[in-house]
Amino acid sequence: MDELLQQLNHVRGIGGSMLLSAEGLPIAAALREGTDENALAAAAGVLMESAARLGRHLSLGGIGSLSTAGDQGALLILAAGKSWLAVIIDPSANLALLQLEARPFVERISQRLTL
């Protein structure tokens, strides 16, 4: 799994990635030095649980992705089977394009998790 995350991080505009469980626990991470993977996983888990609750309230169905952007970059979280792939996006990157480029990695991660 670490190798897949390292490959994903080589995509231009991606500044780090992490796979986390539905409960917000880190499974694998390839993050920048100094990033607290436990804190990131916990916060992303809470965020996705809140998004799922909102989705149910609005009858949107299952949440497949969530993104948030700030002036210093963005965070993209994608469903990967029963887990989540969190991707840190550099400020100058195209979020929509990177979401498309991350999809093959999500598929490969999902396949590995079901084996």
PDB file of N, CA and C in Angstrom:
ATOM      1  N   MET A   1       0.821  -1.185   0.000  1.00  0.00           N
ATOM      2  CA  MET A   1       0.000   0.000   0.000  1.00  0.00           C
ATOM      3  C   MET A   1       0.876   1.265   0.000  1.00  0.00           C
ATOM      4  N   ASP A   2       1.971   1.208   0.769  1.00  0.00           N
ATOM      5  CA  ASP A   2       2.874   2.359   0.832  1.00  0.00           C
ATOM      6  C   ASP A   2       3.406   2.718  -0.553  1.00  0.00           C
ATOM      7  N   GLU A   3       3.698   1.683  -1.353  1.00  0.00           N
ATOM      8  CA  GLU A   3       4.216   1.916  -2.706  1.00  0.00           C
ATOM      9  C   GLU A   3       3.192   2.651  -3.574  1.00  0.00           C
ATOM     10  N   LEU A   4       1.925   2.270  -3.476  1.00  0.00           N
ATOM     11  CA  LEU A   4       0.873   2.955  -4.230  1.00  0.00           C
ATOM     12  C   LEU A   4       0.770   4.415  -3.821  1.00  0.00           C
ATOM     13  N   LEU A   5       0.839   4.675  -2.525  1.00  0.00           N
ATOM     14  CA  LEU A   5       0.763   6.061  -2.059  1.00  0.00           C
ATOM     15  C   LEU A   5       1.968   6.867  -2.531  1.00  0.00           C
ATOM     16  N   GLN A   6       3.141   6.248  -2.529  1.00  0.00           N
ATOM     17  CA  GLN A   6       4.338   6.945  -3.039  1.00  0.00           C
ATOM     18  C   GLN A   6       4.180   7.261  -4.529  1.00  0.00           C
ATOM     19  N   GLN A   7       3.624   6.339  -5.291  1.00  0.00           N
ATOM     20  CA  GLN A   7       3.385   6.580  -6.721  1.00  0.00           C
ATOM     21  C   GLN A   7       2.390   7.727  -6.905  1.00  0.00           C
ATOM     22  N   LEU A   8       1.336   7.728  -6.112  1.00  0.00           N
ATOM     23  CA  LEU A   8       0.346   8.794  -6.179  1.00  0.00           C
ATOM     24  C   LEU A   8       0.989  10.137  -5.875  1.00  0.00           C
ATOM     25  N   ASN A   9       1.882  10.166  -4.910  1.00  0.00           N
ATOM     26  CA  ASN A   9       2.548  11.416  -4.538  1.00  0.00           C
ATOM     27  C   ASN A   9       3.449  11.963  -5.633  1.00  0.00           C
ATOM     28  N   HIS A  10       3.793  11.136  -6.607  1.00  0.00           N
ATOM     29  CA  HIS A  10       4.602  11.612  -7.724  1.00  0.00           C
ATOM     30  C   HIS A  10       3.771  12.330  -8.784  1.00  0.00           C
ATOM     31  N   VAL A  11       2.456  12.286  -8.661  1.00  0.00           N
ATOM     32  CA  VAL A  11       1.599  13.033  -9.582  1.00  0.00           C
ATOM     33  C   VAL A  11       1.771  14.517  -9.254  1.00  0.00           C
ATOM     34  N   ARG A  12       2.016  15.295 -10.272  1.00  0.00           N
ATOM     35  CA  ARG A  12       2.253  16.732 -10.082  1.00  0.00           C
ATOM     36  C   ARG A  12       1.070  17.390  -9.371  1.00  0.00           C
ATOM     37  N   GLY A  13       1.369  18.106  -8.298  1.00  0.00           N
ATOM     38  CA  GLY A  13       0.339  18.818  -7.557  1.00  0.00           C
ATOM     39  C   GLY A  13      -0.097  18.131  -6.283  1.00  0.00           C
ATOM     40  N   ILE A  14       0.357  16.890  -6.074  1.00  0.00           N
ATOM     41  CA  ILE A  14      -0.018  16.164  -4.867  1.00  0.00           C
ATOM     42  C   ILE A  14       1.114  16.282  -3.850  1.00  0.00           C
ATOM     43  N   GLY A  15       0.740  16.688  -2.643  1.00  0.00           N
ATOM     44  CA  GLY A  15       1.726  16.929  -1.601  1.00  0.00           C
ATOM     45  C   GLY A  15       1.731  15.890  -0.494  1.00  0.00           C
ATOM     46  N   GLY A  16       0.969  14.842  -0.635  1.00  0.00           N
ATOM     47  CA  GLY A  16       0.939  13.787   0.370  1.00  0.00           C
ATOM     48  C   GLY A  16      -0.358  13.010   0.266  1.00  0.00           C
ATOM     49  N   SER A  17      -0.346  11.793   0.793  1.00  0.00           N
ATOM     50  CA  SER A  17      -1.557  10.972   0.738  1.00  0.00           C
ATOM     51  C   SER A  17      -1.585  10.016   1.919  1.00  0.00           C
ATOM     52  N   MET A  18      -2.803   9.608   2.247  1.00  0.00           N
ATOM     53  CA  MET A  18      -3.002   8.704   3.368  1.00  0.00           C
ATOM     54  C   MET A  18      -4.234   7.850   3.129  1.00  0.00           C
ATOM     55  N   LEU A  19      -4.145   6.610   3.512  1.00  0.00           N
ATOM     56  CA  LEU A  19      -5.294   5.714   3.491  1.00  0.00           C
ATOM     57  C   LEU A  19      -5.740   5.541   4.931  1.00  0.00           C
ATOM     58  N   LEU A  20      -7.036   5.750   5.178  1.00  0.00           N
ATOM     59  CA  LEU A  20      -7.548   5.618   6.524  1.00  0.00           C
ATOM     60  C   LEU A  20      -8.804   4.765   6.536  1.00  0.00           C
ATOM     61  N   SER A  21      -9.040   4.149   7.680  1.00  0.00           N
ATOM     62  CA  SER A  21     -10.216   3.302   7.829  1.00  0.00           C
ATOM     63  C   SER A  21     -11.459   4.166   7.976  1.00  0.00           C
ATOM     64  N   ALA A  22     -12.613   3.551   7.847  1.00  0.00           N
ATOM     65  CA  ALA A  22     -13.885   4.260   8.019  1.00  0.00           C
ATOM     66  C   ALA A  22     -14.002   4.834   9.425  1.00  0.00           C
ATOM     67  N   GLU A  23     -13.271   4.254  10.363  1.00  0.00           N
ATOM     68  CA  GLU A  23     -13.301   4.717  11.757  1.00  0.00           C
ATOM     69  C   GLU A  23     -12.317   5.850  12.016  1.00  0.00           C
ATOM     70  N   GLY A  24     -11.559   6.254  11.000  1.00  0.00           N
ATOM     71  CA  GLY A  24     -10.602   7.339  11.165  1.00  0.00           C
ATOM     72  C   GLY A  24      -9.254   6.901  11.696  1.00  0.00           C
ATOM     73  N   LEU A  25      -8.868   5.666  11.427  1.00  0.00           N
ATOM     74  CA  LEU A  25      -7.564   5.150  11.849  1.00  0.00           C
ATOM     75  C   LEU A  25      -6.636   5.052  10.647  1.00  0.00           C
ATOM     76  N   PRO A  26      -5.373   5.441  10.787  1.00  0.00           N
ATOM     77  CA  PRO A  26      -4.451   5.355   9.649  1.00  0.00           C
ATOM     78  C   PRO A  26      -4.148   3.906   9.276  1.00  0.00           C
ATOM     79  N   ILE A  27      -4.170   3.637   7.986  1.00  0.00           N
ATOM     80  CA  ILE A  27      -3.802   2.319   7.461  1.00  0.00           C
ATOM     81  C   ILE A  27      -2.414   2.397   6.843  1.00  0.00           C
ATOM     82  N   ALA A  28      -2.190   3.426   6.026  1.00  0.00           N
ATOM     83  CA  ALA A  28      -0.894   3.664   5.387  1.00  0.00           C
ATOM     84  C   ALA A  28      -0.801   5.153   5.088  1.00  0.00           C
ATOM     85  N   ALA A  29       0.429   5.669   5.097  1.00  0.00           N
ATOM     86  CA  ALA A  29       0.584   7.098   4.861  1.00  0.00           C
ATOM     87  C   ALA A  29       1.893   7.400   4.149  1.00  0.00           C
ATOM     88  N   ALA A  30       1.836   8.389   3.285  1.00  0.00           N
ATOM     89  CA  ALA A  30       3.016   8.951   2.629  1.00  0.00           C
ATOM     90  C   ALA A  30       2.827  10.466   2.687  1.00  0.00           C
ATOM     91  N   LEU A  31       3.178  11.032   3.849  1.00  0.00           N
ATOM     92  CA  LEU A  31       2.917  12.437   4.123  1.00  0.00           C
ATOM     93  C   LEU A  31       4.216  13.224   4.253  1.00  0.00           C
ATOM     94  N   ARG A  32       4.083  14.535   4.172  1.00  0.00           N
ATOM     95  CA  ARG A  32       5.234  15.402   4.378  1.00  0.00           C
ATOM     96  C   ARG A  32       5.767  15.234   5.792  1.00  0.00           C
ATOM     97  N   GLU A  33       7.048  15.438   5.926  1.00  0.00           N
ATOM     98  CA  GLU A  33       7.695  15.404   7.245  1.00  0.00           C
ATOM     99  C   GLU A  33       6.985  16.365   8.189  1.00  0.00           C
ATOM    100  N   GLY A  34       6.715  15.895   9.376  1.00  0.00           N
ATOM    101  CA  GLY A  34       6.088  16.745  10.380  1.00  0.00           C
ATOM    102  C   GLY A  34       4.572  16.680  10.411  1.00  0.00           C
ATOM    103  N   THR A  35       3.954  15.988   9.445  1.00  0.00           N
ATOM    104  CA  THR A  35       2.500  15.851   9.441  1.00  0.00           C
ATOM    105  C   THR A  35       2.113  14.731  10.399  1.00  0.00           C
ATOM    106  N   ASP A  36       1.226  15.011  11.326  1.00  0.00           N
ATOM    107  CA  ASP A  36       0.769  14.030  12.306  1.00  0.00           C
ATOM    108  C   ASP A  36      -0.305  13.159  11.653  1.00  0.00           C
ATOM    109  N   GLU A  37       0.070  11.947  11.278  1.00  0.00           N
ATOM    110  CA  GLU A  37      -0.865  11.083  10.552  1.00  0.00           C
ATOM    111  C   GLU A  37      -2.056  10.673  11.410  1.00  0.00           C
ATOM    112  N   ASN A  38      -1.859  10.502  12.712  1.00  0.00           N
ATOM    113  CA  ASN A  38      -2.983  10.137  13.574  1.00  0.00           C
ATOM    114  C   ASN A  38      -4.004  11.268  13.660  1.00  0.00           C
ATOM    115  N   ALA A  39      -3.519  12.499  13.793  1.00  0.00           N
ATOM    116  CA  ALA A  39      -4.422  13.650  13.862  1.00  0.00           C
ATOM    117  C   ALA A  39      -5.150  13.853  12.533  1.00  0.00           C
ATOM    118  N   LEU A  40      -4.425  13.703  11.415  1.00  0.00           N
ATOM    119  CA  LEU A  40      -5.047  13.839  10.100  1.00  0.00           C
ATOM    120  C   LEU A  40      -6.108  12.765   9.895  1.00  0.00           C
ATOM    121  N   ALA A  41      -5.797  11.524  10.236  1.00  0.00           N
ATOM    122  CA  ALA A  41      -6.751  10.426  10.058  1.00  0.00           C
ATOM    123  C   ALA A  41      -7.996  10.640  10.912  1.00  0.00           C
ATOM    124  N   ALA A  42      -7.798  11.052  12.159  1.00  0.00           N
ATOM    125  CA  ALA A  42      -8.945  11.281  13.049  1.00  0.00           C
ATOM    126  C   ALA A  42      -9.827  12.410  12.532  1.00  0.00           C
ATOM    127  N   ALA A  43      -9.214  13.509  12.121  1.00  0.00           N
ATOM    128  CA  ALA A  43      -9.985  14.655  11.623  1.00  0.00           C
ATOM    129  C   ALA A  43     -10.712  14.298  10.326  1.00  0.00           C
ATOM    130  N   ALA A  44     -10.032  13.589   9.416  1.00  0.00           N
ATOM    131  CA  ALA A  44     -10.670  13.185   8.162  1.00  0.00           C
ATOM    132  C   ALA A  44     -11.809  12.205   8.422  1.00  0.00           C
ATOM    133  N   GLY A  45     -11.631  11.307   9.397  1.00  0.00           N
ATOM    134  CA  GLY A  45     -12.697  10.367   9.750  1.00  0.00           C
ATOM    135  C   GLY A  45     -13.934  11.082  10.261  1.00  0.00           C
ATOM    136  N   VAL A  46     -13.742  12.074  11.122  1.00  0.00           N
ATOM    137  CA  VAL A  46     -14.864  12.866  11.637  1.00  0.00           C
ATOM    138  C   VAL A  46     -15.533  13.626  10.498  1.00  0.00           C
ATOM    139  N   LEU A  47     -14.715  14.204   9.623  1.00  0.00           N
ATOM    140  CA  LEU A  47     -15.253  14.948   8.480  1.00  0.00           C
ATOM    141  C   LEU A  47     -16.108  14.056   7.591  1.00  0.00           C
ATOM    142  N   MET A  48     -15.637  12.835   7.305  1.00  0.00           N
ATOM    143  CA  MET A  48     -16.380  11.945   6.428  1.00  0.00           C
ATOM    144  C   MET A  48     -17.646  11.424   7.109  1.00  0.00           C
ATOM    145  N   GLU A  49     -17.589  11.194   8.403  1.00  0.00           N
ATOM    146  CA  GLU A  49     -18.797  10.768   9.119  1.00  0.00           C
ATOM    147  C   GLU A  49     -19.842  11.879   9.078  1.00  0.00           C
ATOM    148  N   SER A  50     -19.416  13.115   9.254  1.00  0.00           N
ATOM    149  CA  SER A  50     -20.338  14.260   9.176  1.00  0.00           C
ATOM    150  C   SER A  50     -20.907  14.393   7.761  1.00  0.00           C
ATOM    151  N   ALA A  51     -20.060  14.208   6.756  1.00  0.00           N
ATOM    152  CA  ALA A  51     -20.526  14.286   5.369  1.00  0.00           C
ATOM    153  C   ALA A  51     -21.528  13.169   5.078  1.00  0.00           C
ATOM    154  N   ALA A  52     -21.275  11.975   5.600  1.00  0.00           N
ATOM    155  CA  ALA A  52     -22.200  10.854   5.392  1.00  0.00           C
ATOM    156  C   ALA A  52     -23.548  11.145   6.055  1.00  0.00           C
ATOM    157  N   ARG A  53     -23.516  11.713   7.260  1.00  0.00           N
ATOM    158  CA  ARG A  53     -24.757  12.074   7.957  1.00  0.00           C
ATOM    159  C   ARG A  53     -25.535  13.123   7.159  1.00  0.00           C
ATOM    160  N   LEU A  54     -24.835  14.114   6.654  1.00  0.00           N
ATOM    161  CA  LEU A  54     -25.474  15.149   5.837  1.00  0.00           C
ATOM    162  C   LEU A  54     -26.041  14.537   4.559  1.00  0.00           C
ATOM    163  N   GLY A  55     -25.276  13.640   3.944  1.00  0.00           N
ATOM    164  CA  GLY A  55     -25.749  12.973   2.738  1.00  0.00           C
ATOM    165  C   GLY A  55     -27.020  12.182   2.976  1.00  0.00           C
ATOM    166  N   ARG A  56     -27.076  11.488   4.118  1.00  0.00           N
ATOM    167  CA  ARG A  56     -28.298  10.743   4.453  1.00  0.00           C
ATOM    168  C   ARG A  56     -29.466  11.699   4.681  1.00  0.00           C
ATOM    169  N   HIS A  57     -29.206  12.793   5.378  1.00  0.00           N
ATOM    170  CA  HIS A  57     -30.248  13.778   5.661  1.00  0.00           C
ATOM    171  C   HIS A  57     -30.821  14.371   4.369  1.00  0.00           C
ATOM    172  N   LEU A  58     -29.963  14.575   3.393  1.00  0.00           N
ATOM    173  CA  LEU A  58     -30.387  15.151   2.112  1.00  0.00           C
ATOM    174  C   LEU A  58     -30.745  14.102   1.071  1.00  0.00           C
ATOM    175  N   SER A  59     -30.738  12.827   1.464  1.00  0.00           N
ATOM    176  CA  SER A  59     -31.028  11.707   0.563  1.00  0.00           C
ATOM    177  C   SER A  59     -30.107  11.708  -0.661  1.00  0.00           C
ATOM    178  N   LEU A  60     -28.819  11.928  -0.430  1.00  0.00           N
ATOM    179  CA  LEU A  60     -27.839  11.949  -1.518  1.00  0.00           C
ATOM    180  C   LEU A  60     -27.246  10.577  -1.807  1.00  0.00           C
ATOM    181  N   GLY A  61     -27.467   9.629  -0.917  1.00  0.00           N
ATOM    182  CA  GLY A  61     -26.835   8.326  -1.065  1.00  0.00           C
ATOM    183  C   GLY A  61     -25.454   8.354  -0.437  1.00  0.00           C
ATOM    184  N   GLY A  62     -24.661   7.340  -0.750  1.00  0.00           N
ATOM    185  CA  GLY A  62     -23.314   7.244  -0.180  1.00  0.00           C
ATOM    186  C   GLY A  62     -22.403   8.345  -0.698  1.00  0.00           C
ATOM    187  N   ILE A  63     -21.545   8.830   0.173  1.00  0.00           N
ATOM    188  CA  ILE A  63     -20.601   9.886  -0.209  1.00  0.00           C
ATOM    189  C   ILE A  63     -19.393   9.228  -0.866  1.00  0.00           C
ATOM    190  N   GLY A  64     -19.080   9.648  -2.085  1.00  0.00           N
ATOM    191  CA  GLY A  64     -17.951   9.090  -2.820  1.00  0.00           C
ATOM    192  C   GLY A  64     -16.704   9.933  -2.730  1.00  0.00           C
ATOM    193  N   SER A  65     -16.888  11.235  -2.507  1.00  0.00           N
ATOM    194  CA  SER A  65     -15.725  12.110  -2.385  1.00  0.00           C
ATOM    195  C   SER A  65     -16.129  13.393  -1.679  1.00  0.00           C
ATOM    196  N   LEU A  66     -15.119  14.051  -1.159  1.00  0.00           N
ATOM    197  CA  LEU A  66     -15.313  15.320  -0.484  1.00  0.00           C
ATOM    198  C   LEU A  66     -14.037  16.116  -0.685  1.00  0.00           C
ATOM    199  N   SER A  67     -14.167  17.391  -0.950  1.00  0.00           N
ATOM    200  CA  SER A  67     -12.975  18.227  -1.074  1.00  0.00           C
ATOM    201  C   SER A  67     -13.194  19.542  -0.356  1.00  0.00           C
ATOM    202  N   THR A  68     -12.114  20.073   0.128  1.00  0.00           N
ATOM    203  CA  THR A  68     -12.125  21.375   0.760  1.00  0.00           C
ATOM    204  C   THR A  68     -10.856  22.099   0.323  1.00  0.00           C
ATOM    205  N   ALA A  69     -10.985  23.382   0.069  1.00  0.00           N
ATOM    206  CA  ALA A  69      -9.841  24.145  -0.430  1.00  0.00           C
ATOM    207  C   ALA A  69      -9.648  25.407   0.386  1.00  0.00           C
ATOM    208  N   GLY A  70      -8.398  25.759   0.554  1.00  0.00           N
ATOM    209  CA  GLY A  70      -8.025  26.993   1.225  1.00  0.00           C
ATOM    210  C   GLY A  70      -6.969  27.712   0.394  1.00  0.00           C
ATOM    211  N   ASP A  71      -6.491  28.817   0.878  1.00  0.00           N
ATOM    212  CA  ASP A  71      -5.513  29.569   0.107  1.00  0.00           C
ATOM    213  C   ASP A  71      -4.122  28.927   0.113  1.00  0.00           C
ATOM    214  N   GLN A  72      -3.899  27.924   0.970  1.00  0.00           N
ATOM    215  CA  GLN A  72      -2.602  27.237   1.038  1.00  0.00           C
ATOM    216  C   GLN A  72      -2.650  25.818   0.470  1.00  0.00           C
ATOM    217  N   GLY A  73      -3.788  25.453  -0.150  1.00  0.00           N
ATOM    218  CA  GLY A  73      -3.906  24.123  -0.738  1.00  0.00           C
ATOM    219  C   GLY A  73      -5.291  23.557  -0.527  1.00  0.00           C
ATOM    220  N   ALA A  74      -5.422  22.267  -0.754  1.00  0.00           N
ATOM    221  CA  ALA A  74      -6.729  21.614  -0.661  1.00  0.00           C
ATOM    222  C   ALA A  74      -6.557  20.208  -0.106  1.00  0.00           C
ATOM    223  N   LEU A  75      -7.662  19.651   0.324  1.00  0.00           N
ATOM    224  CA  LEU A  75      -7.707  18.268   0.773  1.00  0.00           C
ATOM    225  C   LEU A  75      -8.817  17.580  -0.009  1.00  0.00           C
ATOM    226  N   LEU A  76      -8.491  16.466  -0.596  1.00  0.00           N
ATOM    227  CA  LEU A  76      -9.441  15.656  -1.350  1.00  0.00           C
ATOM    228  C   LEU A  76      -9.532  14.312  -0.646  1.00  0.00           C
ATOM    229  N   ILE A  77     -10.754  13.877  -0.344  1.00  0.00           N
ATOM    230  CA  ILE A  77     -10.958  12.576   0.289  1.00  0.00           C
ATOM    231  C   ILE A  77     -11.874  11.759  -0.615  1.00  0.00           C
ATOM    232  N   LEU A  78     -11.404  10.580  -0.986  1.00  0.00           N
ATOM    233  CA  LEU A  78     -12.119   9.712  -1.917  1.00  0.00           C
ATOM    234  C   LEU A  78     -12.400   8.363  -1.270  1.00  0.00           C
ATOM    235  N   ALA A  79     -13.591   7.838  -1.502  1.00  0.00           N
ATOM    236  CA  ALA A  79     -13.929   6.502  -1.021  1.00  0.00           C
ATOM    237  C   ALA A  79     -13.066   5.485  -1.754  1.00  0.00           C
ATOM    238  N   ALA A  80     -12.488   4.572  -0.966  1.00  0.00           N
ATOM    239  CA  ALA A  80     -11.671   3.492  -1.523  1.00  0.00           C
ATOM    240  C   ALA A  80     -12.147   2.204  -0.866  1.00  0.00           C
ATOM    241  N   GLY A  81     -13.209   1.635  -1.412  1.00  0.00           N
ATOM    242  CA  GLY A  81     -13.842   0.494  -0.769  1.00  0.00           C
ATOM    243  C   GLY A  81     -14.501   0.960   0.516  1.00  0.00           C
ATOM    244  N   LYS A  82     -14.195   0.302   1.613  1.00  0.00           N
ATOM    245  CA  LYS A  82     -14.732   0.708   2.913  1.00  0.00           C
ATOM    246  C   LYS A  82     -13.794   1.663   3.638  1.00  0.00           C
ATOM    247  N   SER A  83     -12.746   2.098   2.956  1.00  0.00           N
ATOM    248  CA  SER A  83     -11.762   3.010   3.514  1.00  0.00           C
ATOM    249  C   SER A  83     -11.815   4.335   2.761  1.00  0.00           C
ATOM    250  N   TRP A  84     -10.950   5.247   3.179  1.00  0.00           N
ATOM    251  CA  TRP A  84     -10.882   6.572   2.548  1.00  0.00           C
ATOM    252  C   TRP A  84      -9.441   6.878   2.162  1.00  0.00           C
ATOM    253  N   LEU A  85      -9.283   7.502   1.007  1.00  0.00           N
ATOM    254  CA  LEU A  85      -7.989   7.986   0.558  1.00  0.00           C
ATOM    255  C   LEU A  85      -7.992   9.501   0.686  1.00  0.00           C
ATOM    256  N   ALA A  86      -7.131  10.019   1.545  1.00  0.00           N
ATOM    257  CA  ALA A  86      -7.007  11.468   1.717  1.00  0.00           C
ATOM    258  C   ALA A  86      -5.785  11.928   0.930  1.00  0.00           C
ATOM    259  N   VAL A  87      -5.970  12.964   0.113  1.00  0.00           N
ATOM    260  CA  VAL A  87      -4.901  13.478  -0.741  1.00  0.00           C
ATOM    261  C   VAL A  87      -4.736  14.963  -0.459  1.00  0.00           C
ATOM    262  N   ILE A  88      -3.518  15.355  -0.117  1.00  0.00           N
ATOM    263  CA  ILE A  88      -3.204  16.761   0.119  1.00  0.00           C
ATOM    264  C   ILE A  88      -2.774  17.369  -1.204  1.00  0.00           C
ATOM    265  N   ILE A  89      -3.421  18.467  -1.567  1.00  0.00           N
ATOM    266  CA  ILE A  89      -3.207  19.094  -2.873  1.00  0.00           C
ATOM    267  C   ILE A  89      -2.455  20.412  -2.690  1.00  0.00           C
ATOM    268  N   ASP A  90      -1.436  20.623  -3.499  1.00  0.00           N
ATOM    269  CA  ASP A  90      -0.679  21.873  -3.474  1.00  0.00           C
ATOM    270  C   ASP A  90      -1.557  23.040  -3.938  1.00  0.00           C
ATOM    271  N   PRO A  91      -1.262  24.261  -3.469  1.00  0.00           N
ATOM    272  CA  PRO A  91      -2.131  25.404  -3.762  1.00  0.00           C
ATOM    273  C   PRO A  91      -2.289  25.742  -5.246  1.00  0.00           C
ATOM    274  N   SER A  92      -1.284  25.489  -6.051  1.00  0.00           N
ATOM    275  CA  SER A  92      -1.357  25.856  -7.466  1.00  0.00           C
ATOM    276  C   SER A  92      -1.963  24.768  -8.352  1.00  0.00           C
ATOM    277  N   ALA A  93      -2.306  23.631  -7.784  1.00  0.00           N
ATOM    278  CA  ALA A  93      -2.793  22.486  -8.562  1.00  0.00           C
ATOM    279  C   ALA A  93      -4.271  22.623  -8.911  1.00  0.00           C
ATOM    280  N   ASN A  94      -4.662  21.926  -9.966  1.00  0.00           N
ATOM    281  CA  ASN A  94      -6.045  21.882 -10.415  1.00  0.00           C
ATOM    282  C   ASN A  94      -6.740  20.729  -9.700  1.00  0.00           C
ATOM    283  N   LEU A  95      -7.608  21.064  -8.745  1.00  0.00           N
ATOM    284  CA  LEU A  95      -8.268  20.056  -7.916  1.00  0.00           C
ATOM    285  C   LEU A  95      -9.094  19.075  -8.751  1.00  0.00           C
ATOM    286  N   ALA A  96      -9.844  19.574  -9.721  1.00  0.00           N
ATOM    287  CA  ALA A  96     -10.696  18.700 -10.541  1.00  0.00           C
ATOM    288  C   ALA A  96      -9.848  17.716 -11.351  1.00  0.00           C
ATOM    289  N   LEU A  97      -8.755  18.177 -11.902  1.00  0.00           N
ATOM    290  CA  LEU A  97      -7.876  17.307 -12.676  1.00  0.00           C
ATOM    291  C   LEU A  97      -7.240  16.242 -11.780  1.00  0.00           C
ATOM    292  N   LEU A  98      -6.800  16.647 -10.603  1.00  0.00           N
ATOM    293  CA  LEU A  98      -6.188  15.679  -9.698  1.00  0.00           C
ATOM    294  C   LEU A  98      -7.196  14.654  -9.196  1.00  0.00           C
ATOM    295  N   GLN A  99      -8.449  15.042  -9.079  1.00  0.00           N
ATOM    296  CA  GLN A  99      -9.472  14.082  -8.689  1.00  0.00           C
ATOM    297  C   GLN A  99      -9.580  12.984  -9.750  1.00  0.00           C
ATOM    298  N   LEU A 100      -9.507  13.366 -11.017  1.00  0.00           N
ATOM    299  CA  LEU A 100      -9.525  12.381 -12.101  1.00  0.00           C
ATOM    300  C   LEU A 100      -8.270  11.515 -12.089  1.00  0.00           C
ATOM    301  N   GLU A 101      -7.119  12.131 -11.842  1.00  0.00           N
ATOM    302  CA  GLU A 101      -5.858  11.392 -11.851  1.00  0.00           C
ATOM    303  C   GLU A 101      -5.744  10.442 -10.661  1.00  0.00           C
ATOM    304  N   ALA A 102      -6.444  10.729  -9.574  1.00  0.00           N
ATOM    305  CA  ALA A 102      -6.391   9.869  -8.390  1.00  0.00           C
ATOM    306  C   ALA A 102      -7.278   8.638  -8.533  1.00  0.00           C
ATOM    307  N   ARG A 103      -8.269   8.670  -9.413  1.00  0.00           N
ATOM    308  CA  ARG A 103      -9.220   7.557  -9.544  1.00  0.00           C
ATOM    309  C   ARG A 103      -8.571   6.194  -9.785  1.00  0.00           C
ATOM    310  N   PRO A 104      -7.595   6.080 -10.698  1.00  0.00           N
ATOM    311  CA  PRO A 104      -6.966   4.758 -10.886  1.00  0.00           C
ATOM    312  C   PRO A 104      -6.298   4.240  -9.612  1.00  0.00           C
ATOM    313  N   PHE A 105      -5.749   5.143  -8.811  1.00  0.00           N
ATOM    314  CA  PHE A 105      -5.135   4.732  -7.548  1.00  0.00           C
ATOM    315  C   PHE A 105      -6.204   4.231  -6.578  1.00  0.00           C
ATOM    316  N   VAL A 106      -7.341   4.899  -6.559  1.00  0.00           N
ATOM    317  CA  VAL A 106      -8.454   4.477  -5.705  1.00  0.00           C
ATOM    318  C   VAL A 106      -8.894   3.073  -6.092  1.00  0.00           C
ATOM    319  N   GLU A 107      -8.993   2.815  -7.384  1.00  0.00           N
ATOM    320  CA  GLU A 107      -9.397   1.486  -7.856  1.00  0.00           C
ATOM    321  C   GLU A 107      -8.385   0.422  -7.441  1.00  0.00           C
ATOM    322  N   ARG A 108      -7.102   0.726  -7.585  1.00  0.00           N
ATOM    323  CA  ARG A 108      -6.065  -0.240  -7.213  1.00  0.00           C
ATOM    324  C   ARG A 108      -6.055  -0.489  -5.709  1.00  0.00           C
ATOM    325  N   ILE A 109      -6.230   0.569  -4.932  1.00  0.00           N
ATOM    326  CA  ILE A 109      -6.287   0.417  -3.470  1.00  0.00           C
ATOM    327  C   ILE A 109      -7.497  -0.420  -3.074  1.00  0.00           C
ATOM    328  N   SER A 110      -8.648  -0.120  -3.673  1.00  0.00           N
ATOM    329  CA  SER A 110      -9.863  -0.881  -3.371  1.00  0.00           C
ATOM    330  C   SER A 110      -9.668  -2.360  -3.673  1.00  0.00           C
ATOM    331  N   GLN A 111      -9.038  -2.665  -4.803  1.00  0.00           N
ATOM    332  CA  GLN A 111      -8.787  -4.057  -5.163  1.00  0.00           C
ATOM    333  C   GLN A 111      -7.882  -4.743  -4.151  1.00  0.00           C
ATOM    334  N   ARG A 112      -6.853  -4.060  -3.710  1.00  0.00           N
ATOM    335  CA  ARG A 112      -5.924  -4.649  -2.741  1.00  0.00           C
ATOM    336  C   ARG A 112      -6.604  -4.873  -1.393  1.00  0.00           C
ATOM    337  N   LEU A 113      -7.506  -3.979  -1.017  1.00  0.00           N
ATOM    338  CA  LEU A 113      -8.179  -4.113   0.262  1.00  0.00           C
ATOM    339  C   LEU A 113      -9.174  -5.275   0.280  1.00  0.00           C
ATOM    340  N   THR A 114      -9.681  -5.659  -0.894  1.00  0.00           N
ATOM    341  CA  THR A 114     -10.649  -6.755  -0.950  1.00  0.00           C
ATOM    342  C   THR A 114      -9.983  -8.125  -1.098  1.00  0.00           C
ATOM    343  N   LEU A 115      -8.682  -8.147  -1.326  1.00  0.00           N
ATOM    344  CA  LEU A 115      -7.969  -9.439  -1.480  1.00  0.00           C
ATOM    345  C   LEU A 115      -7.797 -10.137  -0.166  1.00  0.00           C
TER     346      LEU A 115
END
